[in-house]
Amino acid sequence: MFSFRAPPTYPHAEIARALGISVGTVKSRLSRAKSRLRDDLTSGINDGGGIHVATD
């Protein structure tokens, strides 16, 4: 099983400050990245390939 989580030691506000972007942008980019990863992992491999993708 594969689980994707942002490191709990990096709050959204801290990431935003480090990158010079808003907290909302951090959240949307993380959400988009998780969605793309989920799509990539499930595309064509949920046909018995042995990979299970858990969603929140």
PDB file of N, CA and C in Angstrom:
ATOM      1  N   MET A   1       0.847  -1.183   0.000  1.00  0.00           N
ATOM      2  CA  MET A   1       0.000   0.000   0.000  1.00  0.00           C
ATOM      3  C   MET A   1       0.885   1.236   0.000  1.00  0.00           C
ATOM      4  N   PHE A   2       0.502   2.212  -0.764  1.00  0.00           N
ATOM      5  CA  PHE A   2       1.245   3.461  -0.870  1.00  0.00           C
ATOM      6  C   PHE A   2       0.382   4.577  -0.299  1.00  0.00           C
ATOM      7  N   SER A   3       0.960   5.357   0.599  1.00  0.00           N
ATOM      8  CA  SER A   3       0.230   6.485   1.173  1.00  0.00           C
ATOM      9  C   SER A   3       1.047   7.749   0.988  1.00  0.00           C
ATOM     10  N   PHE A   4       0.416   8.758   0.422  1.00  0.00           N
ATOM     11  CA  PHE A   4       1.112  10.017   0.185  1.00  0.00           C
ATOM     12  C   PHE A   4       0.622  11.048   1.190  1.00  0.00           C
ATOM     13  N   ARG A   5       1.520  11.568   1.986  1.00  0.00           N
ATOM     14  CA  ARG A   5       1.190  12.595   2.960  1.00  0.00           C
ATOM     15  C   ARG A   5       2.295  13.640   2.964  1.00  0.00           C
ATOM     16  N   ALA A   6       1.904  14.879   3.106  1.00  0.00           N
ATOM     17  CA  ALA A   6       2.901  15.937   3.277  1.00  0.00           C
ATOM     18  C   ALA A   6       3.522  15.749   4.659  1.00  0.00           C
ATOM     19  N   PRO A   7       4.812  15.969   4.792  1.00  0.00           N
ATOM     20  CA  PRO A   7       5.448  15.797   6.099  1.00  0.00           C
ATOM     21  C   PRO A   7       4.775  16.669   7.161  1.00  0.00           C
ATOM     22  N   PRO A   8       4.407  16.078   8.282  1.00  0.00           N
ATOM     23  CA  PRO A   8       3.712  16.832   9.327  1.00  0.00           C
ATOM     24  C   PRO A   8       4.585  17.907   9.966  1.00  0.00           C
ATOM     25  N   THR A   9       5.874  17.846   9.742  1.00  0.00           N
ATOM     26  CA  THR A   9       6.774  18.836  10.332  1.00  0.00           C
ATOM     27  C   THR A   9       6.801  20.133   9.534  1.00  0.00           C
ATOM     28  N   TYR A  10       6.124  20.173   8.417  1.00  0.00           N
ATOM     29  CA  TYR A  10       6.099  21.369   7.580  1.00  0.00           C
ATOM     30  C   TYR A  10       4.668  21.891   7.433  1.00  0.00           C
ATOM     31  N   PRO A  11       4.247  22.774   8.303  1.00  0.00           N
ATOM     32  CA  PRO A  11       2.898  23.344   8.173  1.00  0.00           C
ATOM     33  C   PRO A  11       2.765  24.135   6.879  1.00  0.00           C
ATOM     34  N   HIS A  12       1.544  24.242   6.391  1.00  0.00           N
ATOM     35  CA  HIS A  12       1.294  24.975   5.147  1.00  0.00           C
ATOM     36  C   HIS A  12       1.866  26.388   5.197  1.00  0.00           C
ATOM     37  N   ALA A  13       1.720  27.042   6.331  1.00  0.00           N
ATOM     38  CA  ALA A  13       2.215  28.426   6.453  1.00  0.00           C
ATOM     39  C   ALA A  13       3.734  28.484   6.304  1.00  0.00           C
ATOM     40  N   GLU A  14       4.426  27.495   6.848  1.00  0.00           N
ATOM     41  CA  GLU A  14       5.889  27.471   6.748  1.00  0.00           C
ATOM     42  C   GLU A  14       6.332  27.233   5.300  1.00  0.00           C
ATOM     43  N   ILE A  15       5.655  26.341   4.619  1.00  0.00           N
ATOM     44  CA  ILE A  15       5.966  26.079   3.207  1.00  0.00           C
ATOM     45  C   ILE A  15       5.714  27.336   2.388  1.00  0.00           C
ATOM     46  N   ALA A  16       4.590  28.014   2.670  1.00  0.00           N
ATOM     47  CA  ALA A  16       4.241  29.234   1.941  1.00  0.00           C
ATOM     48  C   ALA A  16       5.304  30.309   2.122  1.00  0.00           C
ATOM     49  N   ARG A  17       5.756  30.501   3.343  1.00  0.00           N
ATOM     50  CA  ARG A  17       6.812  31.498   3.600  1.00  0.00           C
ATOM     51  C   ARG A  17       8.093  31.141   2.860  1.00  0.00           C
ATOM     52  N   ALA A  18       8.479  29.884   2.912  1.00  0.00           N
ATOM     53  CA  ALA A  18       9.731  29.442   2.276  1.00  0.00           C
ATOM     54  C   ALA A  18       9.696  29.643   0.763  1.00  0.00           C
ATOM     55  N   LEU A  19       8.519  29.453   0.171  1.00  0.00           N
ATOM     56  CA  LEU A  19       8.401  29.560  -1.283  1.00  0.00           C
ATOM     57  C   LEU A  19       7.939  30.939  -1.742  1.00  0.00           C
ATOM     58  N   GLY A  20       7.532  31.759  -0.792  1.00  0.00           N
ATOM     59  CA  GLY A  20       7.066  33.089  -1.139  1.00  0.00           C
ATOM     60  C   GLY A  20       5.721  33.086  -1.855  1.00  0.00           C
ATOM     61  N   ILE A  21       4.852  32.155  -1.465  1.00  0.00           N
ATOM     62  CA  ILE A  21       3.520  32.047  -2.054  1.00  0.00           C
ATOM     63  C   ILE A  21       2.479  32.013  -0.939  1.00  0.00           C
ATOM     64  N   SER A  22       1.220  32.092  -1.303  1.00  0.00           N
ATOM     65  CA  SER A  22       0.161  32.087  -0.293  1.00  0.00           C
ATOM     66  C   SER A  22      -0.116  30.663   0.204  1.00  0.00           C
ATOM     67  N   VAL A  23      -0.714  30.594   1.385  1.00  0.00           N
ATOM     68  CA  VAL A  23      -1.086  29.299   1.958  1.00  0.00           C
ATOM     69  C   VAL A  23      -2.084  28.590   1.033  1.00  0.00           C
ATOM     70  N   GLY A  24      -3.005  29.355   0.460  1.00  0.00           N
ATOM     71  CA  GLY A  24      -3.970  28.766  -0.469  1.00  0.00           C
ATOM     72  C   GLY A  24      -3.303  28.125  -1.669  1.00  0.00           C
ATOM     73  N   THR A  25      -2.250  28.760  -2.165  1.00  0.00           N
ATOM     74  CA  THR A  25      -1.509  28.200  -3.299  1.00  0.00           C
ATOM     75  C   THR A  25      -0.811  26.912  -2.897  1.00  0.00           C
ATOM     76  N   VAL A  26      -0.241  26.875  -1.692  1.00  0.00           N
ATOM     77  CA  VAL A  26       0.399  25.646  -1.192  1.00  0.00           C
ATOM     78  C   VAL A  26      -0.628  24.523  -1.146  1.00  0.00           C
ATOM     79  N   LYS A  27      -1.788  24.795  -0.581  1.00  0.00           N
ATOM     80  CA  LYS A  27      -2.821  23.769  -0.456  1.00  0.00           C
ATOM     81  C   LYS A  27      -3.290  23.279  -1.826  1.00  0.00           C
ATOM     82  N   SER A  28      -3.502  24.209  -2.754  1.00  0.00           N
ATOM     83  CA  SER A  28      -3.984  23.792  -4.072  1.00  0.00           C
ATOM     84  C   SER A  28      -2.922  22.996  -4.826  1.00  0.00           C
ATOM     85  N   ARG A  29      -1.668  23.388  -4.692  1.00  0.00           N
ATOM     86  CA  ARG A  29      -0.594  22.646  -5.386  1.00  0.00           C
ATOM     87  C   ARG A  29      -0.424  21.253  -4.801  1.00  0.00           C
ATOM     88  N   LEU A  30      -0.515  21.117  -3.470  1.00  0.00           N
ATOM     89  CA  LEU A  30      -0.428  19.794  -2.857  1.00  0.00           C
ATOM     90  C   LEU A  30      -1.596  18.925  -3.294  1.00  0.00           C
ATOM     91  N   SER A  31      -2.779  19.517  -3.332  1.00  0.00           N
ATOM     92  CA  SER A  31      -3.961  18.775  -3.760  1.00  0.00           C
ATOM     93  C   SER A  31      -3.822  18.323  -5.209  1.00  0.00           C
ATOM     94  N   ARG A  32      -3.356  19.221  -6.063  1.00  0.00           N
ATOM     95  CA  ARG A  32      -3.169  18.893  -7.481  1.00  0.00           C
ATOM     96  C   ARG A  32      -2.118  17.794  -7.643  1.00  0.00           C
ATOM     97  N   ALA A  33      -1.039  17.881  -6.875  1.00  0.00           N
ATOM     98  CA  ALA A  33       0.027  16.870  -6.967  1.00  0.00           C
ATOM     99  C   ALA A  33      -0.485  15.503  -6.527  1.00  0.00           C
ATOM    100  N   LYS A  34      -1.269  15.460  -5.436  1.00  0.00           N
ATOM    101  CA  LYS A  34      -1.833  14.188  -4.981  1.00  0.00           C
ATOM    102  C   LYS A  34      -2.784  13.611  -6.016  1.00  0.00           C
ATOM    103  N   SER A  35      -3.579  14.472  -6.626  1.00  0.00           N
ATOM    104  CA  SER A  35      -4.521  14.018  -7.649  1.00  0.00           C
ATOM    105  C   SER A  35      -3.787  13.448  -8.859  1.00  0.00           C
ATOM    106  N   ARG A  36      -2.751  14.143  -9.300  1.00  0.00           N
ATOM    107  CA  ARG A  36      -1.975  13.654 -10.448  1.00  0.00           C
ATOM    108  C   ARG A  36      -1.288  12.329 -10.132  1.00  0.00           C
ATOM    109  N   LEU A  37      -0.735  12.221  -8.931  1.00  0.00           N
ATOM    110  CA  LEU A  37      -0.078  10.977  -8.535  1.00  0.00           C
ATOM    111  C   LEU A  37      -1.093   9.838  -8.482  1.00  0.00           C
ATOM    112  N   ARG A  38      -2.261  10.112  -7.897  1.00  0.00           N
ATOM    113  CA  ARG A  38      -3.317   9.101  -7.820  1.00  0.00           C
ATOM    114  C   ARG A  38      -3.721   8.661  -9.223  1.00  0.00           C
ATOM    115  N   ASP A  39      -3.919   9.623 -10.119  1.00  0.00           N
ATOM    116  CA  ASP A  39      -4.290   9.293 -11.500  1.00  0.00           C
ATOM    117  C   ASP A  39      -3.213   8.469 -12.190  1.00  0.00           C
ATOM    118  N   ASP A  40      -1.953   8.859 -12.009  1.00  0.00           N
ATOM    119  CA  ASP A  40      -0.848   8.125 -12.632  1.00  0.00           C
ATOM    120  C   ASP A  40      -0.761   6.693 -12.109  1.00  0.00           C
ATOM    121  N   LEU A  41      -0.971   6.530 -10.808  1.00  0.00           N
ATOM    122  CA  LEU A  41      -0.869   5.193 -10.221  1.00  0.00           C
ATOM    123  C   LEU A  41      -2.044   4.299 -10.596  1.00  0.00           C
ATOM    124  N   THR A  42      -3.206   4.881 -10.765  1.00  0.00           N
ATOM    125  CA  THR A  42      -4.380   4.071 -11.080  1.00  0.00           C
ATOM    126  C   THR A  42      -4.587   3.878 -12.576  1.00  0.00           C
ATOM    127  N   SER A  43      -3.986   4.691 -13.395  1.00  0.00           N
ATOM    128  CA  SER A  43      -4.166   4.600 -14.842  1.00  0.00           C
ATOM    129  C   SER A  43      -3.543   3.311 -15.380  1.00  0.00           C
ATOM    130  N   GLY A  44      -4.399   2.396 -15.735  1.00  0.00           N
ATOM    131  CA  GLY A  44      -3.933   1.170 -16.376  1.00  0.00           C
ATOM    132  C   GLY A  44      -3.365   0.116 -15.458  1.00  0.00           C
ATOM    133  N   ILE A  45      -3.335   0.344 -14.154  1.00  0.00           N
ATOM    134  CA  ILE A  45      -2.757  -0.670 -13.276  1.00  0.00           C
ATOM    135  C   ILE A  45      -3.760  -1.234 -12.277  1.00  0.00           C
ATOM    136  N   ASN A  46      -4.980  -0.763 -12.303  1.00  0.00           N
ATOM    137  CA  ASN A  46      -5.998  -1.329 -11.427  1.00  0.00           C
ATOM    138  C   ASN A  46      -6.641  -2.567 -12.049  1.00  0.00           C
ATOM    139  N   ASP A  47      -5.981  -3.150 -13.016  1.00  0.00           N
ATOM    140  CA  ASP A  47      -6.484  -4.355 -13.656  1.00  0.00           C
ATOM    141  C   ASP A  47      -5.805  -5.604 -13.085  1.00  0.00           C
ATOM    142  N   GLY A  48      -5.475  -5.558 -11.807  1.00  0.00           N
ATOM    143  CA  GLY A  48      -4.843  -6.690 -11.161  1.00  0.00           C
ATOM    144  C   GLY A  48      -3.342  -6.547 -11.039  1.00  0.00           C
ATOM    145  N   GLY A  49      -2.817  -5.368 -11.239  1.00  0.00           N
ATOM    146  CA  GLY A  49      -1.395  -5.149 -11.178  1.00  0.00           C
ATOM    147  C   GLY A  49      -0.789  -5.167  -9.787  1.00  0.00           C
ATOM    148  N   GLY A  50      -1.617  -5.322  -8.775  1.00  0.00           N
ATOM    149  CA  GLY A  50      -1.104  -5.453  -7.418  1.00  0.00           C
ATOM    150  C   GLY A  50      -0.909  -4.138  -6.690  1.00  0.00           C
ATOM    151  N   ILE A  51      -1.366  -3.042  -7.249  1.00  0.00           N
ATOM    152  CA  ILE A  51      -1.230  -1.747  -6.578  1.00  0.00           C
ATOM    153  C   ILE A  51      -2.592  -1.280  -6.134  1.00  0.00           C
ATOM    154  N   HIS A  52      -2.699  -0.932  -4.868  1.00  0.00           N
ATOM    155  CA  HIS A  52      -3.944  -0.410  -4.309  1.00  0.00           C
ATOM    156  C   HIS A  52      -3.729   1.037  -3.932  1.00  0.00           C
ATOM    157  N   VAL A  53      -4.598   1.922  -4.401  1.00  0.00           N
ATOM    158  CA  VAL A  53      -4.480   3.337  -4.090  1.00  0.00           C
ATOM    159  C   VAL A  53      -5.581   3.705  -3.110  1.00  0.00           C
ATOM    160  N   ALA A  54      -5.180   4.098  -1.894  1.00  0.00           N
ATOM    161  CA  ALA A  54      -6.142   4.536  -0.886  1.00  0.00           C
ATOM    162  C   ALA A  54      -6.373   6.030  -1.064  1.00  0.00           C
ATOM    163  N   THR A  55      -7.629   6.439  -1.007  1.00  0.00           N
ATOM    164  CA  THR A  55      -7.953   7.851  -1.127  1.00  0.00           C
ATOM    165  C   THR A  55      -8.477   8.357   0.196  1.00  0.00           C
ATOM    166  N   ASP A  56      -8.342   9.644   0.415  1.00  0.00           N
ATOM    167  CA  ASP A  56      -8.815  10.245   1.665  1.00  0.00           C
ATOM    168  C   ASP A  56     -10.314  10.351   1.685  1.00  0.00           C
TER     169      ASP A  56
END
